[in-house]
Amino acid sequence: MDGIHDLGGRQGFGPVRFKTGAAIFHEDWEIKANALYSLAVKGGIFNMDEYRHAIERMEPKHYLNASYYERSLTSLASLCVEKGLISKEELEELACGFYPLSLPSAAGRSNRSEPKNFKPGDLVEVINEHVACHVRMPSYVRGKRGKVIRVTPAYPYPDAHAHGVKARDEPTYDVEFKSSHLWPEGAEEALVNVGIFESYLKFVSD
């Protein structure tokens, strides 16, 4: 879906802050949240695409102000409520107050087309579309042209997998873009590789 989470390639957020050797967890609740979501996926309560989509569906203000593990916990709680494992009222009773959950999900979709079987060296273009369902197609490559350099094994198609829609698994293609094509007059010359599902691509001529 198109939301505040899709920040890749955007400017205006300042330098990326990081610390070498930074701790993975800072508080005990973060360890528990991470363990619970991992257990839920392993137990088949929800899959990774459902998990990612529930994070995408967070209120924008909540998403931007939440830490990594708060987003994870919001996704976990939202999916557990949506799947009937616990009610919102029971959750808020345990939390002793209001508990923010993700917004409702839109309908998913199956594969956009028949297999295309791109090969390394093929010139492709990323389709330029905006959808409300889960989608793993970063906005900064939409409508852009690149070259296939590698093919991966097939994975569940995210637009369907996050919504319980039947679809065939698809390969992803590592597509190479020129930075000057992605961000004209806004980037140093470089090559950018992005893994893109088959349904998001179409052939182009020279």
N, C-alpha and C. Protein backbone atom coordinates (compact mmCIF):
# COMPACT_ATOMS: atom_id res chain seq x y z
N MET A 1 0.85 -1.18 0.00
CA MET A 1 0.00 0.00 0.00
C MET A 1 0.89 1.23 0.00
N ASP A 2 0.32 2.36 -0.37
CA ASP A 2 1.06 3.61 -0.33
C ASP A 2 0.81 4.27 1.02
N GLY A 3 1.87 4.42 1.79
CA GLY A 3 1.71 4.97 3.12
C GLY A 3 2.98 5.62 3.62
N ILE A 4 2.93 6.09 4.84
CA ILE A 4 4.06 6.80 5.42
C ILE A 4 5.27 5.89 5.60
N HIS A 5 5.06 4.57 5.61
CA HIS A 5 6.16 3.63 5.79
C HIS A 5 7.12 3.62 4.61
N ASP A 6 6.65 4.02 3.41
CA ASP A 6 7.47 3.93 2.20
C ASP A 6 8.37 5.15 2.09
N LEU A 7 9.45 5.14 2.86
CA LEU A 7 10.35 6.29 2.94
C LEU A 7 11.62 6.11 2.12
N GLY A 8 11.80 4.95 1.50
CA GLY A 8 13.02 4.70 0.73
C GLY A 8 13.20 5.72 -0.38
N GLY A 9 14.41 6.26 -0.50
CA GLY A 9 14.70 7.19 -1.57
C GLY A 9 14.19 8.59 -1.37
N ARG A 10 13.56 8.87 -0.22
CA ARG A 10 13.03 10.21 0.02
C ARG A 10 14.06 11.08 0.74
N GLN A 11 13.95 12.38 0.52
CA GLN A 11 14.88 13.32 1.13
C GLN A 11 14.19 14.14 2.21
N GLY A 12 15.00 14.85 3.00
CA GLY A 12 14.44 15.75 3.99
C GLY A 12 14.38 15.19 5.40
N PHE A 13 14.90 13.97 5.61
CA PHE A 13 14.86 13.37 6.93
C PHE A 13 16.21 13.45 7.65
N GLY A 14 17.17 14.15 7.05
CA GLY A 14 18.47 14.29 7.68
C GLY A 14 19.33 13.04 7.53
N PRO A 15 20.53 13.07 8.09
CA PRO A 15 21.44 11.92 7.97
C PRO A 15 20.93 10.70 8.72
N VAL A 16 21.30 9.53 8.25
CA VAL A 16 20.95 8.29 8.95
C VAL A 16 21.81 8.18 10.20
N ARG A 17 21.17 8.04 11.35
CA ARG A 17 21.90 7.95 12.61
C ARG A 17 22.13 6.48 12.97
N PHE A 18 23.35 6.15 13.29
CA PHE A 18 23.65 4.77 13.69
C PHE A 18 24.87 4.75 14.61
N LYS A 19 24.95 3.67 15.37
CA LYS A 19 26.09 3.47 16.25
C LYS A 19 26.69 2.10 15.99
N THR A 20 27.98 2.05 15.83
CA THR A 20 28.65 0.77 15.64
C THR A 20 28.52 -0.07 16.91
N GLY A 21 28.07 -1.31 16.75
CA GLY A 21 27.93 -2.19 17.91
C GLY A 21 26.76 -1.86 18.80
N ALA A 22 25.75 -1.16 18.28
CA ALA A 22 24.59 -0.79 19.09
C ALA A 22 23.83 -2.03 19.54
N ALA A 23 23.21 -1.95 20.70
CA ALA A 23 22.45 -3.08 21.24
C ALA A 23 21.22 -3.35 20.39
N ILE A 24 20.87 -4.63 20.24
CA ILE A 24 19.68 -5.00 19.47
C ILE A 24 18.42 -4.66 20.26
N PHE A 25 18.45 -4.92 21.55
CA PHE A 25 17.32 -4.62 22.42
C PHE A 25 17.75 -3.64 23.50
N HIS A 26 16.85 -2.74 23.89
CA HIS A 26 17.16 -1.75 24.91
C HIS A 26 16.33 -1.93 26.18
N GLU A 27 15.20 -2.63 26.06
CA GLU A 27 14.35 -2.89 27.22
C GLU A 27 13.80 -4.31 27.14
N ASP A 28 13.43 -4.85 28.29
CA ASP A 28 12.96 -6.24 28.34
C ASP A 28 11.72 -6.47 27.48
N TRP A 29 10.81 -5.47 27.44
CA TRP A 29 9.57 -5.66 26.69
C TRP A 29 9.85 -5.85 25.20
N GLU A 30 10.94 -5.29 24.70
CA GLU A 30 11.28 -5.44 23.29
C GLU A 30 11.63 -6.90 22.97
N ILE A 31 12.32 -7.54 23.88
CA ILE A 31 12.67 -8.97 23.71
C ILE A 31 11.39 -9.80 23.66
N LYS A 32 10.45 -9.50 24.57
CA LYS A 32 9.20 -10.25 24.62
C LYS A 32 8.37 -10.02 23.36
N ALA A 33 8.32 -8.77 22.89
CA ALA A 33 7.55 -8.46 21.68
C ALA A 33 8.12 -9.20 20.48
N ASN A 34 9.42 -9.20 20.36
CA ASN A 34 10.07 -9.89 19.25
C ASN A 34 9.82 -11.40 19.31
N ALA A 35 9.89 -11.97 20.52
CA ALA A 35 9.67 -13.40 20.69
C ALA A 35 8.22 -13.78 20.37
N LEU A 36 7.27 -12.95 20.79
CA LEU A 36 5.86 -13.25 20.57
C LEU A 36 5.50 -13.22 19.08
N TYR A 37 6.01 -12.23 18.36
CA TYR A 37 5.69 -12.17 16.93
C TYR A 37 6.34 -13.32 16.19
N SER A 38 7.56 -13.70 16.58
CA SER A 38 8.23 -14.84 15.96
C SER A 38 7.47 -16.13 16.22
N LEU A 39 6.96 -16.28 17.45
CA LEU A 39 6.18 -17.46 17.81
C LEU A 39 4.88 -17.51 17.02
N ALA A 40 4.25 -16.35 16.81
CA ALA A 40 2.99 -16.30 16.07
C ALA A 40 3.19 -16.71 14.62
N VAL A 41 4.28 -16.26 14.00
CA VAL A 41 4.58 -16.65 12.62
C VAL A 41 4.88 -18.14 12.55
N LYS A 42 5.71 -18.62 13.47
CA LYS A 42 6.07 -20.04 13.48
C LYS A 42 4.84 -20.91 13.71
N GLY A 43 3.90 -20.43 14.52
CA GLY A 43 2.69 -21.19 14.82
C GLY A 43 1.60 -21.06 13.78
N GLY A 44 1.84 -20.28 12.72
CA GLY A 44 0.87 -20.15 11.64
C GLY A 44 -0.29 -19.23 11.93
N ILE A 45 -0.17 -18.40 12.97
CA ILE A 45 -1.25 -17.45 13.28
C ILE A 45 -1.34 -16.38 12.19
N PHE A 46 -0.22 -15.93 11.72
CA PHE A 46 -0.17 -15.03 10.57
C PHE A 46 1.18 -15.20 9.88
N ASN A 47 1.27 -14.72 8.64
CA ASN A 47 2.52 -14.84 7.89
C ASN A 47 3.25 -13.49 7.84
N MET A 48 4.44 -13.49 7.29
CA MET A 48 5.26 -12.28 7.30
C MET A 48 4.66 -11.15 6.48
N ASP A 49 3.95 -11.47 5.41
CA ASP A 49 3.34 -10.40 4.63
C ASP A 49 2.18 -9.76 5.39
N GLU A 50 1.41 -10.58 6.12
CA GLU A 50 0.36 -10.02 6.97
C GLU A 50 0.98 -9.13 8.05
N TYR A 51 2.08 -9.60 8.61
CA TYR A 51 2.77 -8.84 9.65
C TYR A 51 3.26 -7.49 9.13
N ARG A 52 3.89 -7.51 7.94
CA ARG A 52 4.39 -6.25 7.36
C ARG A 52 3.23 -5.31 7.04
N HIS A 53 2.15 -5.88 6.50
CA HIS A 53 1.02 -5.04 6.11
C HIS A 53 0.35 -4.39 7.32
N ALA A 54 0.30 -5.09 8.44
CA ALA A 54 -0.28 -4.49 9.65
C ALA A 54 0.56 -3.32 10.14
N ILE A 55 1.86 -3.37 9.93
CA ILE A 55 2.72 -2.22 10.26
C ILE A 55 2.43 -1.07 9.30
N GLU A 56 2.29 -1.38 8.02
CA GLU A 56 1.98 -0.35 7.02
C GLU A 56 0.66 0.36 7.35
N ARG A 57 -0.26 -0.36 7.97
CA ARG A 57 -1.59 0.18 8.24
C ARG A 57 -1.68 1.03 9.51
N MET A 58 -0.56 1.21 10.19
CA MET A 58 -0.57 2.06 11.38
C MET A 58 -0.92 3.50 11.01
N GLU A 59 -1.57 4.19 11.94
CA GLU A 59 -1.81 5.63 11.75
C GLU A 59 -0.46 6.30 11.47
N PRO A 60 -0.36 7.18 10.45
CA PRO A 60 0.92 7.80 10.11
C PRO A 60 1.64 8.45 11.28
N LYS A 61 0.91 9.20 12.11
CA LYS A 61 1.56 9.86 13.25
C LYS A 61 2.10 8.84 14.23
N HIS A 62 1.34 7.77 14.46
CA HIS A 62 1.79 6.70 15.35
C HIS A 62 3.03 6.03 14.77
N TYR A 63 3.00 5.73 13.47
CA TYR A 63 4.13 5.06 12.82
C TYR A 63 5.42 5.87 12.97
N LEU A 64 5.35 7.16 12.68
CA LEU A 64 6.56 7.99 12.71
C LEU A 64 7.11 8.17 14.12
N ASN A 65 6.24 8.10 15.12
CA ASN A 65 6.69 8.31 16.50
C ASN A 65 7.00 7.01 17.23
N ALA A 66 6.71 5.87 16.60
CA ALA A 66 6.92 4.58 17.25
C ALA A 66 8.33 4.05 16.99
N SER A 67 8.83 3.31 17.96
CA SER A 67 10.12 2.64 17.78
C SER A 67 9.92 1.38 16.94
N TYR A 68 11.01 0.75 16.55
CA TYR A 68 10.94 -0.48 15.74
C TYR A 68 10.08 -1.53 16.43
N TYR A 69 10.33 -1.78 17.71
CA TYR A 69 9.60 -2.84 18.40
C TYR A 69 8.18 -2.42 18.78
N GLU A 70 7.90 -1.13 18.88
CA GLU A 70 6.53 -0.70 19.10
C GLU A 70 5.70 -0.98 17.84
N ARG A 71 6.31 -0.77 16.67
CA ARG A 71 5.62 -1.11 15.42
C ARG A 71 5.35 -2.60 15.35
N SER A 72 6.34 -3.38 15.75
CA SER A 72 6.18 -4.84 15.75
C SER A 72 5.05 -5.26 16.69
N LEU A 73 5.00 -4.66 17.87
CA LEU A 73 3.98 -4.99 18.86
C LEU A 73 2.60 -4.55 18.39
N THR A 74 2.52 -3.40 17.71
CA THR A 74 1.24 -2.93 17.17
C THR A 74 0.72 -3.90 16.12
N SER A 75 1.61 -4.36 15.25
CA SER A 75 1.22 -5.34 14.23
C SER A 75 0.72 -6.62 14.88
N LEU A 76 1.47 -7.13 15.84
CA LEU A 76 1.09 -8.37 16.54
C LEU A 76 -0.28 -8.23 17.18
N ALA A 77 -0.50 -7.16 17.93
CA ALA A 77 -1.77 -6.97 18.63
C ALA A 77 -2.92 -6.81 17.64
N SER A 78 -2.70 -6.04 16.58
CA SER A 78 -3.75 -5.81 15.59
C SER A 78 -4.19 -7.11 14.93
N LEU A 79 -3.23 -7.94 14.55
CA LEU A 79 -3.55 -9.20 13.89
C LEU A 79 -4.24 -10.17 14.84
N CYS A 80 -3.83 -10.18 16.09
CA CYS A 80 -4.47 -11.06 17.07
C CYS A 80 -5.93 -10.66 17.29
N VAL A 81 -6.20 -9.35 17.28
CA VAL A 81 -7.59 -8.89 17.40
C VAL A 81 -8.37 -9.24 16.15
N GLU A 82 -7.78 -8.98 14.98
CA GLU A 82 -8.47 -9.24 13.71
C GLU A 82 -8.78 -10.72 13.52
N LYS A 83 -7.93 -11.59 14.05
CA LYS A 83 -8.13 -13.03 13.89
C LYS A 83 -8.92 -13.65 15.04
N GLY A 84 -9.37 -12.81 15.97
CA GLY A 84 -10.25 -13.28 17.02
C GLY A 84 -9.57 -13.95 18.19
N LEU A 85 -8.25 -13.81 18.33
CA LEU A 85 -7.56 -14.42 19.45
C LEU A 85 -7.80 -13.65 20.74
N ILE A 86 -8.06 -12.35 20.60
CA ILE A 86 -8.35 -11.50 21.75
C ILE A 86 -9.18 -10.34 21.25
N SER A 87 -10.04 -9.80 22.09
CA SER A 87 -10.84 -8.64 21.67
C SER A 87 -10.09 -7.36 22.02
N LYS A 88 -10.48 -6.27 21.38
CA LYS A 88 -9.87 -4.98 21.68
C LYS A 88 -10.15 -4.60 23.14
N GLU A 89 -11.34 -4.95 23.63
CA GLU A 89 -11.71 -4.63 25.01
C GLU A 89 -10.82 -5.40 25.99
N GLU A 90 -10.58 -6.68 25.71
CA GLU A 90 -9.71 -7.48 26.56
C GLU A 90 -8.28 -6.94 26.52
N LEU A 91 -7.84 -6.54 25.35
CA LEU A 91 -6.49 -5.99 25.19
C LEU A 91 -6.33 -4.72 26.00
N GLU A 92 -7.32 -3.83 25.93
CA GLU A 92 -7.22 -2.56 26.65
C GLU A 92 -7.38 -2.74 28.15
N GLU A 93 -8.09 -3.79 28.54
CA GLU A 93 -8.17 -4.09 29.98
C GLU A 93 -6.80 -4.53 30.50
N LEU A 94 -6.11 -5.35 29.71
CA LEU A 94 -4.77 -5.79 30.11
C LEU A 94 -3.78 -4.62 30.08
N ALA A 95 -3.97 -3.70 29.12
CA ALA A 95 -3.06 -2.56 28.99
C ALA A 95 -3.42 -1.41 29.92
N CYS A 96 -4.55 -1.54 30.61
CA CYS A 96 -5.03 -0.50 31.55
C CYS A 96 -5.27 0.83 30.84
N GLY A 97 -5.79 0.76 29.62
CA GLY A 97 -6.09 1.99 28.89
C GLY A 97 -6.14 1.77 27.39
N PHE A 98 -6.26 2.86 26.66
CA PHE A 98 -6.37 2.82 25.20
C PHE A 98 -5.16 2.13 24.59
N TYR A 99 -5.41 1.26 23.60
CA TYR A 99 -4.32 0.56 22.90
C TYR A 99 -4.48 0.82 21.40
N PRO A 100 -3.56 1.56 20.79
CA PRO A 100 -3.69 1.89 19.36
C PRO A 100 -3.45 0.66 18.48
N LEU A 101 -4.37 0.44 17.55
CA LEU A 101 -4.24 -0.67 16.61
C LEU A 101 -4.14 -0.14 15.18
N SER A 102 -3.77 -1.00 14.27
CA SER A 102 -3.65 -0.61 12.87
C SER A 102 -5.03 -0.37 12.26
N LEU A 103 -5.06 0.43 11.20
CA LEU A 103 -6.29 0.69 10.48
C LEU A 103 -6.73 -0.56 9.71
N PRO A 104 -8.01 -0.66 9.32
CA PRO A 104 -8.48 -1.84 8.59
C PRO A 104 -7.73 -2.06 7.28
N SER A 105 -7.69 -3.31 6.86
CA SER A 105 -7.00 -3.67 5.63
C SER A 105 -7.92 -3.56 4.42
N ALA A 106 -7.33 -3.23 3.27
CA ALA A 106 -8.07 -3.27 2.00
C ALA A 106 -7.99 -4.69 1.43
N ALA A 107 -8.72 -4.95 0.38
CA ALA A 107 -8.70 -6.28 -0.25
C ALA A 107 -7.40 -6.48 -1.01
N GLY A 108 -6.94 -7.74 -1.04
CA GLY A 108 -5.73 -8.06 -1.79
C GLY A 108 -6.05 -8.39 -3.24
N ARG A 109 -5.07 -8.90 -3.95
CA ARG A 109 -5.25 -9.24 -5.36
C ARG A 109 -4.32 -10.39 -5.74
N SER A 110 -4.67 -11.11 -6.77
CA SER A 110 -3.83 -12.20 -7.25
C SER A 110 -2.81 -11.66 -8.24
N ASN A 111 -2.04 -12.56 -8.84
CA ASN A 111 -0.99 -12.15 -9.78
C ASN A 111 -1.57 -11.28 -10.89
N ARG A 112 -0.81 -10.30 -11.31
CA ARG A 112 -1.30 -9.36 -12.31
C ARG A 112 -1.29 -9.95 -13.72
N SER A 113 -0.46 -10.97 -13.97
CA SER A 113 -0.33 -11.48 -15.33
C SER A 113 0.24 -12.89 -15.31
N GLU A 114 0.35 -13.47 -16.49
CA GLU A 114 0.98 -14.77 -16.64
C GLU A 114 2.49 -14.63 -16.45
N PRO A 115 3.19 -15.73 -16.15
CA PRO A 115 4.65 -15.65 -15.98
C PRO A 115 5.34 -15.02 -17.20
N LYS A 116 6.30 -14.16 -16.93
CA LYS A 116 7.02 -13.47 -18.01
C LYS A 116 8.42 -14.05 -18.24
N ASN A 117 8.98 -14.69 -17.20
CA ASN A 117 10.28 -15.35 -17.34
C ASN A 117 11.37 -14.41 -17.87
N PHE A 118 11.56 -13.29 -17.18
CA PHE A 118 12.65 -12.38 -17.54
C PHE A 118 13.99 -13.09 -17.34
N LYS A 119 14.99 -12.64 -18.08
CA LYS A 119 16.34 -13.21 -17.98
C LYS A 119 17.34 -12.09 -17.72
N PRO A 120 18.50 -12.43 -17.12
CA PRO A 120 19.54 -11.42 -16.94
C PRO A 120 19.87 -10.74 -18.27
N GLY A 121 19.93 -9.43 -18.23
CA GLY A 121 20.20 -8.65 -19.44
C GLY A 121 18.95 -8.03 -20.03
N ASP A 122 17.76 -8.54 -19.67
CA ASP A 122 16.51 -7.97 -20.19
C ASP A 122 16.30 -6.56 -19.64
N LEU A 123 15.81 -5.67 -20.51
CA LEU A 123 15.44 -4.32 -20.09
C LEU A 123 13.98 -4.34 -19.64
N VAL A 124 13.72 -3.80 -18.48
CA VAL A 124 12.37 -3.85 -17.91
C VAL A 124 11.97 -2.48 -17.37
N GLU A 125 10.68 -2.33 -17.16
CA GLU A 125 10.15 -1.11 -16.54
C GLU A 125 9.23 -1.51 -15.41
N VAL A 126 9.33 -0.83 -14.29
CA VAL A 126 8.46 -1.09 -13.15
C VAL A 126 7.12 -0.41 -13.42
N ILE A 127 6.03 -1.16 -13.25
CA ILE A 127 4.73 -0.56 -13.50
C ILE A 127 4.50 0.60 -12.52
N ASN A 128 3.81 1.61 -12.99
CA ASN A 128 3.57 2.80 -12.17
C ASN A 128 2.12 2.79 -11.73
N GLU A 129 1.88 2.22 -10.56
CA GLU A 129 0.52 2.13 -10.04
C GLU A 129 0.52 2.32 -8.54
N HIS A 130 -0.64 2.67 -8.02
CA HIS A 130 -0.81 2.90 -6.59
C HIS A 130 -2.00 2.09 -6.11
N VAL A 131 -1.78 1.25 -5.12
CA VAL A 131 -2.82 0.32 -4.67
C VAL A 131 -2.97 0.41 -3.16
N ALA A 132 -4.14 -0.02 -2.67
CA ALA A 132 -4.43 0.04 -1.23
C ALA A 132 -4.02 -1.22 -0.50
N CYS A 133 -3.79 -2.33 -1.25
CA CYS A 133 -3.40 -3.58 -0.60
C CYS A 133 -1.90 -3.58 -0.29
N HIS A 134 -1.44 -4.65 0.32
CA HIS A 134 -0.01 -4.80 0.58
C HIS A 134 0.71 -4.94 -0.74
N VAL A 135 1.82 -4.26 -0.88
CA VAL A 135 2.62 -4.34 -2.10
C VAL A 135 4.07 -4.10 -1.72
N ARG A 136 4.98 -4.88 -2.32
CA ARG A 136 6.41 -4.69 -2.02
C ARG A 136 7.09 -4.10 -3.25
N MET A 137 6.68 -2.90 -3.59
CA MET A 137 7.20 -2.18 -4.75
C MET A 137 7.48 -0.74 -4.31
N PRO A 138 8.71 -0.42 -3.93
CA PRO A 138 9.00 0.93 -3.42
C PRO A 138 8.64 2.01 -4.43
N SER A 139 8.11 3.10 -3.93
CA SER A 139 7.61 4.15 -4.82
C SER A 139 8.71 4.77 -5.68
N TYR A 140 9.95 4.79 -5.19
CA TYR A 140 10.99 5.49 -5.95
C TYR A 140 11.42 4.76 -7.22
N VAL A 141 10.98 3.50 -7.41
CA VAL A 141 11.32 2.81 -8.66
C VAL A 141 10.12 2.71 -9.61
N ARG A 142 8.94 3.12 -9.19
CA ARG A 142 7.76 2.98 -10.03
C ARG A 142 7.88 3.85 -11.29
N GLY A 143 7.61 3.24 -12.44
CA GLY A 143 7.72 3.95 -13.70
C GLY A 143 9.14 4.08 -14.21
N LYS A 144 10.11 3.48 -13.52
CA LYS A 144 11.52 3.59 -13.90
C LYS A 144 11.99 2.35 -14.66
N ARG A 145 13.00 2.56 -15.51
CA ARG A 145 13.54 1.47 -16.31
C ARG A 145 14.89 1.01 -15.79
N GLY A 146 15.12 -0.29 -15.88
CA GLY A 146 16.38 -0.86 -15.42
C GLY A 146 16.69 -2.14 -16.16
N LYS A 147 17.72 -2.83 -15.72
CA LYS A 147 18.16 -4.07 -16.37
C LYS A 147 18.19 -5.20 -15.37
N VAL A 148 17.62 -6.34 -15.75
CA VAL A 148 17.64 -7.53 -14.89
C VAL A 148 19.06 -8.07 -14.81
N ILE A 149 19.54 -8.30 -13.59
CA ILE A 149 20.89 -8.85 -13.44
C ILE A 149 20.90 -10.20 -12.73
N ARG A 150 19.78 -10.55 -12.09
CA ARG A 150 19.75 -11.82 -11.34
C ARG A 150 18.30 -12.24 -11.09
N VAL A 151 18.08 -13.56 -11.05
CA VAL A 151 16.76 -14.12 -10.78
C VAL A 151 16.81 -14.94 -9.50
N THR A 152 15.83 -14.80 -8.63
CA THR A 152 15.80 -15.56 -7.38
C THR A 152 14.73 -16.65 -7.47
N PRO A 153 14.74 -17.62 -6.54
CA PRO A 153 13.65 -18.61 -6.49
C PRO A 153 12.32 -17.92 -6.21
N ALA A 154 11.22 -18.63 -6.50
CA ALA A 154 9.88 -18.06 -6.31
C ALA A 154 9.53 -17.92 -4.83
N TYR A 155 8.80 -16.85 -4.51
CA TYR A 155 8.32 -16.57 -3.16
C TYR A 155 6.81 -16.33 -3.23
N PRO A 156 6.10 -16.42 -2.10
CA PRO A 156 4.68 -16.06 -2.10
C PRO A 156 4.48 -14.63 -2.59
N TYR A 157 3.50 -14.42 -3.45
CA TYR A 157 3.22 -13.09 -4.00
C TYR A 157 2.60 -12.22 -2.91
N PRO A 158 3.28 -11.15 -2.49
CA PRO A 158 2.86 -10.39 -1.31
C PRO A 158 1.48 -9.77 -1.39
N ASP A 159 1.06 -9.31 -2.58
CA ASP A 159 -0.24 -8.67 -2.74
C ASP A 159 -1.38 -9.63 -2.39
N ALA A 160 -1.12 -10.93 -2.55
CA ALA A 160 -2.10 -11.95 -2.22
C ALA A 160 -1.85 -12.56 -0.85
N HIS A 161 -0.58 -12.82 -0.55
CA HIS A 161 -0.19 -13.53 0.67
C HIS A 161 -0.60 -12.78 1.93
N ALA A 162 -0.63 -11.46 1.88
CA ALA A 162 -1.00 -10.65 3.05
C ALA A 162 -2.51 -10.60 3.27
N HIS A 163 -3.27 -11.14 2.31
CA HIS A 163 -4.73 -10.98 2.36
C HIS A 163 -5.49 -12.30 2.24
N GLY A 164 -4.79 -13.43 2.21
CA GLY A 164 -5.46 -14.71 2.08
C GLY A 164 -6.03 -14.96 0.70
N VAL A 165 -5.46 -14.32 -0.32
CA VAL A 165 -5.91 -14.48 -1.70
C VAL A 165 -5.05 -15.54 -2.38
N LYS A 166 -5.69 -16.41 -3.17
CA LYS A 166 -4.95 -17.46 -3.85
C LYS A 166 -4.12 -16.88 -4.99
N ALA A 167 -2.87 -17.29 -5.09
CA ALA A 167 -1.98 -16.81 -6.14
C ALA A 167 -0.79 -17.75 -6.25
N ARG A 168 -0.17 -17.75 -7.42
CA ARG A 168 1.04 -18.56 -7.59
C ARG A 168 2.25 -17.80 -7.03
N ASP A 169 3.23 -18.54 -6.57
CA ASP A 169 4.47 -17.92 -6.13
C ASP A 169 5.18 -17.30 -7.33
N GLU A 170 5.93 -16.24 -7.07
CA GLU A 170 6.65 -15.56 -8.15
C GLU A 170 8.12 -15.39 -7.81
N PRO A 171 8.97 -15.43 -8.84
CA PRO A 171 10.37 -15.08 -8.60
C PRO A 171 10.50 -13.57 -8.43
N THR A 172 11.54 -13.14 -7.78
CA THR A 172 11.88 -11.72 -7.80
C THR A 172 13.11 -11.56 -8.68
N TYR A 173 13.24 -10.38 -9.24
CA TYR A 173 14.35 -10.09 -10.13
C TYR A 173 15.17 -8.95 -9.55
N ASP A 174 16.47 -9.15 -9.46
CA ASP A 174 17.33 -8.05 -9.06
C ASP A 174 17.50 -7.15 -10.28
N VAL A 175 16.95 -5.94 -10.18
CA VAL A 175 16.97 -5.00 -11.29
C VAL A 175 17.94 -3.87 -10.96
N GLU A 176 18.78 -3.57 -11.92
CA GLU A 176 19.81 -2.53 -11.75
C GLU A 176 19.33 -1.23 -12.38
N PHE A 177 19.33 -0.17 -11.58
CA PHE A 177 18.94 1.16 -12.04
C PHE A 177 20.12 2.13 -11.92
N LYS A 178 20.15 3.12 -12.76
CA LYS A 178 21.12 4.20 -12.61
C LYS A 178 20.54 5.22 -11.63
N SER A 179 21.36 5.64 -10.69
CA SER A 179 20.87 6.60 -9.69
C SER A 179 20.39 7.89 -10.33
N SER A 180 21.03 8.30 -11.43
CA SER A 180 20.63 9.54 -12.11
C SER A 180 19.26 9.41 -12.76
N HIS A 181 18.83 8.17 -13.01
CA HIS A 181 17.49 7.94 -13.57
C HIS A 181 16.45 7.95 -12.45
N LEU A 182 16.82 7.43 -11.29
CA LEU A 182 15.90 7.41 -10.16
C LEU A 182 15.72 8.80 -9.55
N TRP A 183 16.83 9.53 -9.43
CA TRP A 183 16.79 10.86 -8.81
C TRP A 183 17.55 11.85 -9.70
N PRO A 184 16.96 12.30 -10.79
CA PRO A 184 17.64 13.23 -11.69
C PRO A 184 18.14 14.47 -10.95
N GLU A 185 19.41 14.77 -11.15
CA GLU A 185 20.05 15.96 -10.56
C GLU A 185 20.01 15.93 -9.03
N GLY A 186 19.79 14.74 -8.46
CA GLY A 186 19.73 14.68 -7.01
C GLY A 186 20.56 13.57 -6.41
N ALA A 187 21.45 12.97 -7.22
CA ALA A 187 22.25 11.86 -6.70
C ALA A 187 23.58 11.76 -7.43
N GLU A 188 24.59 11.26 -6.73
CA GLU A 188 25.86 10.98 -7.39
C GLU A 188 25.68 9.77 -8.29
N GLU A 189 26.54 9.63 -9.29
CA GLU A 189 26.44 8.51 -10.21
C GLU A 189 26.71 7.21 -9.47
N ALA A 190 25.78 6.29 -9.58
CA ALA A 190 25.90 4.99 -8.92
C ALA A 190 24.89 4.04 -9.54
N LEU A 191 25.05 2.76 -9.24
CA LEU A 191 24.08 1.75 -9.67
C LEU A 191 23.32 1.26 -8.44
N VAL A 192 22.02 1.17 -8.55
CA VAL A 192 21.16 0.77 -7.44
C VAL A 192 20.43 -0.52 -7.83
N ASN A 193 20.58 -1.56 -7.02
CA ASN A 193 19.92 -2.83 -7.28
C ASN A 193 18.70 -3.00 -6.37
N VAL A 194 17.57 -3.37 -6.95
CA VAL A 194 16.33 -3.54 -6.18
C VAL A 194 15.70 -4.88 -6.56
N GLY A 195 15.30 -5.68 -5.57
CA GLY A 195 14.60 -6.94 -5.82
C GLY A 195 13.12 -6.66 -6.07
N ILE A 196 12.61 -7.07 -7.23
CA ILE A 196 11.25 -6.71 -7.63
C ILE A 196 10.49 -7.95 -8.11
N PHE A 197 9.27 -8.14 -7.61
CA PHE A 197 8.46 -9.28 -8.02
C PHE A 197 8.07 -9.18 -9.50
N GLU A 198 7.88 -10.35 -10.10
CA GLU A 198 7.60 -10.44 -11.53
C GLU A 198 6.39 -9.62 -11.97
N SER A 199 5.31 -9.66 -11.19
CA SER A 199 4.08 -8.95 -11.58
C SER A 199 4.27 -7.44 -11.63
N TYR A 200 5.32 -6.92 -11.03
CA TYR A 200 5.54 -5.48 -11.01
C TYR A 200 6.36 -5.00 -12.20
N LEU A 201 6.73 -5.92 -13.08
CA LEU A 201 7.64 -5.56 -14.18
C LEU A 201 7.00 -5.81 -15.54
N LYS A 202 7.47 -5.08 -16.53
CA LYS A 202 7.08 -5.31 -17.92
C LYS A 202 8.32 -5.12 -18.81
N PHE A 203 8.32 -5.78 -19.97
CA PHE A 203 9.42 -5.65 -20.92
C PHE A 203 9.42 -4.26 -21.55
N VAL A 204 10.61 -3.78 -21.88
CA VAL A 204 10.74 -2.56 -22.69
C VAL A 204 11.76 -2.83 -23.78
N SER A 205 11.67 -2.08 -24.86
CA SER A 205 12.65 -2.20 -25.94
C SER A 205 13.79 -1.23 -25.70
N ASP A 206 14.85 -1.34 -26.46
CA ASP A 206 16.01 -0.45 -26.29
C ASP A 206 15.60 1.01 -26.52
